N, C-alpha and C. Protein backbone atom coordinates (compact mmCIF):
# COMPACT_ATOMS: atom_id res chain seq x y z
N MET A 1 -11.08 19.76 10.94
CA MET A 1 -11.04 19.88 9.48
C MET A 1 -9.71 19.40 8.94
N LYS A 2 -8.65 19.73 9.64
CA LYS A 2 -7.33 19.33 9.17
C LYS A 2 -7.18 17.82 9.15
N ASN A 3 -7.75 17.15 10.15
CA ASN A 3 -7.64 15.69 10.21
C ASN A 3 -8.36 15.02 9.05
N SER A 4 -9.51 15.54 8.65
CA SER A 4 -10.23 14.91 7.55
C SER A 4 -9.50 15.10 6.23
N VAL A 5 -8.85 16.24 6.06
CA VAL A 5 -8.09 16.48 4.83
C VAL A 5 -6.87 15.56 4.79
N SER A 6 -6.16 15.45 5.89
CA SER A 6 -4.97 14.59 5.90
C SER A 6 -5.36 13.13 5.76
N SER A 7 -6.48 12.72 6.36
CA SER A 7 -6.88 11.32 6.23
C SER A 7 -7.33 11.01 4.80
N SER A 8 -7.96 11.97 4.12
CA SER A 8 -8.35 11.72 2.74
C SER A 8 -7.12 11.64 1.84
N ARG A 9 -6.07 12.38 2.19
CA ARG A 9 -4.82 12.26 1.42
C ARG A 9 -4.21 10.88 1.61
N TYR A 10 -4.24 10.36 2.87
CA TYR A 10 -3.73 9.02 3.11
C TYR A 10 -4.53 7.99 2.34
N VAL A 11 -5.82 8.13 2.32
CA VAL A 11 -6.68 7.19 1.60
C VAL A 11 -6.34 7.21 0.11
N TYR A 12 -6.14 8.40 -0.44
CA TYR A 12 -5.79 8.52 -1.85
C TYR A 12 -4.44 7.86 -2.13
N ILE A 13 -3.47 8.12 -1.27
CA ILE A 13 -2.13 7.53 -1.45
C ILE A 13 -2.19 6.02 -1.31
N TYR A 14 -2.94 5.51 -0.31
CA TYR A 14 -3.06 4.05 -0.14
C TYR A 14 -3.68 3.42 -1.38
N ASN A 15 -4.75 4.01 -1.87
CA ASN A 15 -5.41 3.45 -3.05
C ASN A 15 -4.49 3.48 -4.26
N LEU A 16 -3.76 4.56 -4.43
CA LEU A 16 -2.82 4.65 -5.55
C LEU A 16 -1.71 3.61 -5.42
N LEU A 17 -1.15 3.49 -4.23
CA LEU A 17 -0.07 2.53 -3.99
C LEU A 17 -0.54 1.10 -4.21
N ILE A 18 -1.70 0.77 -3.72
CA ILE A 18 -2.23 -0.58 -3.89
C ILE A 18 -2.56 -0.86 -5.35
N THR A 19 -3.08 0.12 -6.07
CA THR A 19 -3.39 -0.06 -7.48
C THR A 19 -2.14 -0.31 -8.31
N VAL A 20 -1.11 0.48 -8.07
CA VAL A 20 0.15 0.31 -8.80
C VAL A 20 0.77 -1.04 -8.48
N THR A 21 0.77 -1.40 -7.21
CA THR A 21 1.34 -2.68 -6.81
C THR A 21 0.58 -3.84 -7.45
N ALA A 22 -0.74 -3.77 -7.43
CA ALA A 22 -1.54 -4.84 -8.02
C ALA A 22 -1.30 -4.95 -9.53
N ALA A 23 -1.19 -3.81 -10.19
CA ALA A 23 -0.95 -3.82 -11.63
C ALA A 23 0.41 -4.44 -11.96
N LEU A 24 1.43 -4.03 -11.23
CA LEU A 24 2.77 -4.58 -11.48
C LEU A 24 2.84 -6.06 -11.13
N PHE A 25 2.21 -6.44 -10.02
CA PHE A 25 2.20 -7.85 -9.64
C PHE A 25 1.49 -8.68 -10.71
N GLY A 26 0.36 -8.19 -11.20
CA GLY A 26 -0.35 -8.90 -12.26
C GLY A 26 0.47 -9.01 -13.53
N TYR A 27 1.17 -7.94 -13.87
CA TYR A 27 2.02 -7.95 -15.07
C TYR A 27 3.14 -8.97 -14.93
N TYR A 28 3.82 -8.96 -13.80
CA TYR A 28 4.90 -9.92 -13.59
C TYR A 28 4.38 -11.35 -13.48
N PHE A 29 3.22 -11.52 -12.86
CA PHE A 29 2.64 -12.86 -12.75
C PHE A 29 2.26 -13.39 -14.14
N TYR A 30 1.76 -12.52 -14.99
CA TYR A 30 1.46 -12.90 -16.37
C TYR A 30 2.73 -13.38 -17.07
N HIS A 31 3.82 -12.65 -16.87
CA HIS A 31 5.07 -13.04 -17.51
C HIS A 31 5.62 -14.35 -16.95
N VAL A 32 5.38 -14.62 -15.69
CA VAL A 32 5.80 -15.91 -15.12
C VAL A 32 5.08 -17.05 -15.81
N ILE A 33 3.81 -16.85 -16.11
CA ILE A 33 3.02 -17.91 -16.75
C ILE A 33 3.34 -18.03 -18.24
N VAL A 34 3.41 -16.90 -18.95
CA VAL A 34 3.56 -16.92 -20.40
C VAL A 34 5.02 -17.07 -20.82
N HIS A 35 5.92 -16.31 -20.20
CA HIS A 35 7.34 -16.32 -20.55
C HIS A 35 8.18 -16.58 -19.30
N PRO A 36 8.23 -17.81 -18.83
CA PRO A 36 8.94 -18.08 -17.57
C PRO A 36 10.44 -17.79 -17.65
N ASP A 37 11.02 -17.89 -18.82
CA ASP A 37 12.46 -17.65 -18.94
C ASP A 37 12.81 -16.17 -18.83
N LEU A 38 11.86 -15.27 -19.12
CA LEU A 38 12.12 -13.83 -19.09
C LEU A 38 11.54 -13.15 -17.85
N SER A 39 10.92 -13.91 -16.96
CA SER A 39 10.20 -13.29 -15.84
C SER A 39 11.11 -13.06 -14.65
N ASN A 40 10.70 -12.09 -13.83
CA ASN A 40 11.40 -11.80 -12.58
C ASN A 40 10.35 -11.46 -11.53
N ILE A 41 9.78 -12.50 -10.91
CA ILE A 41 8.71 -12.31 -9.94
C ILE A 41 9.25 -11.78 -8.61
N ALA A 42 10.53 -11.89 -8.36
CA ALA A 42 11.10 -11.43 -7.09
C ALA A 42 10.90 -9.93 -6.90
N LEU A 43 11.06 -9.15 -7.96
CA LEU A 43 10.85 -7.70 -7.85
C LEU A 43 9.41 -7.38 -7.46
N SER A 44 8.48 -8.11 -8.03
CA SER A 44 7.08 -7.89 -7.72
C SER A 44 6.76 -8.28 -6.28
N LEU A 45 7.31 -9.37 -5.82
CA LEU A 45 7.07 -9.79 -4.44
C LEU A 45 7.67 -8.79 -3.45
N ILE A 46 8.82 -8.24 -3.76
CA ILE A 46 9.42 -7.21 -2.90
C ILE A 46 8.52 -5.99 -2.85
N LEU A 47 7.95 -5.60 -3.99
CA LEU A 47 7.04 -4.46 -4.04
C LEU A 47 5.78 -4.73 -3.22
N VAL A 48 5.24 -5.93 -3.29
CA VAL A 48 4.05 -6.27 -2.52
C VAL A 48 4.34 -6.22 -1.02
N VAL A 49 5.46 -6.75 -0.60
CA VAL A 49 5.83 -6.72 0.81
C VAL A 49 6.06 -5.29 1.28
N LEU A 50 6.75 -4.50 0.49
CA LEU A 50 6.99 -3.10 0.84
C LEU A 50 5.68 -2.32 0.97
N THR A 51 4.76 -2.56 0.06
CA THR A 51 3.45 -1.90 0.14
C THR A 51 2.71 -2.30 1.40
N SER A 52 2.74 -3.57 1.71
CA SER A 52 2.06 -4.05 2.91
C SER A 52 2.64 -3.42 4.17
N VAL A 53 3.95 -3.35 4.24
CA VAL A 53 4.62 -2.76 5.41
C VAL A 53 4.28 -1.28 5.53
N MET A 54 4.32 -0.56 4.43
CA MET A 54 4.04 0.89 4.46
C MET A 54 2.60 1.16 4.88
N VAL A 55 1.66 0.42 4.34
CA VAL A 55 0.25 0.63 4.70
C VAL A 55 0.03 0.31 6.17
N ARG A 56 0.59 -0.78 6.65
CA ARG A 56 0.43 -1.13 8.06
C ARG A 56 1.08 -0.11 8.97
N LYS A 57 2.25 0.36 8.60
CA LYS A 57 2.97 1.32 9.44
C LYS A 57 2.19 2.62 9.55
N PHE A 58 1.79 3.18 8.42
CA PHE A 58 1.10 4.47 8.45
C PHE A 58 -0.33 4.34 8.92
N SER A 59 -0.96 3.20 8.72
CA SER A 59 -2.31 3.00 9.23
C SER A 59 -2.30 2.93 10.75
N SER A 60 -1.33 2.24 11.32
CA SER A 60 -1.26 2.13 12.78
C SER A 60 -0.96 3.48 13.41
N ASP A 61 -0.13 4.31 12.77
CA ASP A 61 0.12 5.65 13.28
C ASP A 61 -1.15 6.49 13.26
N LYS A 62 -1.93 6.36 12.23
CA LYS A 62 -3.17 7.12 12.11
C LYS A 62 -4.17 6.67 13.17
N ILE A 63 -4.27 5.37 13.40
CA ILE A 63 -5.20 4.85 14.39
C ILE A 63 -4.81 5.33 15.79
N LYS A 64 -3.52 5.32 16.10
CA LYS A 64 -3.07 5.80 17.40
C LYS A 64 -3.38 7.28 17.57
N THR A 65 -3.21 8.06 16.52
CA THR A 65 -3.51 9.50 16.57
C THR A 65 -5.00 9.72 16.81
N GLN A 66 -5.85 8.94 16.14
CA GLN A 66 -7.28 9.08 16.32
C GLN A 66 -7.69 8.69 17.73
N GLN A 67 -7.09 7.64 18.29
CA GLN A 67 -7.41 7.24 19.65
C GLN A 67 -6.99 8.31 20.65
N ASN A 68 -5.83 8.92 20.43
CA ASN A 68 -5.38 10.00 21.31
C ASN A 68 -6.30 11.20 21.22
N ASN A 69 -6.77 11.53 20.03
CA ASN A 69 -7.68 12.65 19.86
C ASN A 69 -9.01 12.38 20.54
N ASN A 70 -9.49 11.15 20.48
CA ASN A 70 -10.76 10.79 21.12
C ASN A 70 -10.63 10.85 22.64
N GLN A 71 -9.49 10.48 23.18
CA GLN A 71 -9.29 10.51 24.62
C GLN A 71 -9.21 11.95 25.13
N LEU A 72 -8.68 12.85 24.31
CA LEU A 72 -8.57 14.25 24.73
C LEU A 72 -9.93 14.93 24.76
N GLN A 73 -10.85 14.46 23.94
CA GLN A 73 -12.17 15.10 23.88
C GLN A 73 -13.01 14.60 24.97
């Protein structure tokens, strides 16, 4: 039961993180197209890379934990 609750929390956090990142990236990309002199796409790209790293890091930890739990059973 504890694993399903913690995994649903991770899913919620991943979805929230990806949604915020996508919204900010879209906003900055819009400004690159419409107002290139006022845009700063570097911040958005850093956020996208950071999100990707965090999701991969915590997803791989979760997968390893699930594999260990399956081997114990």
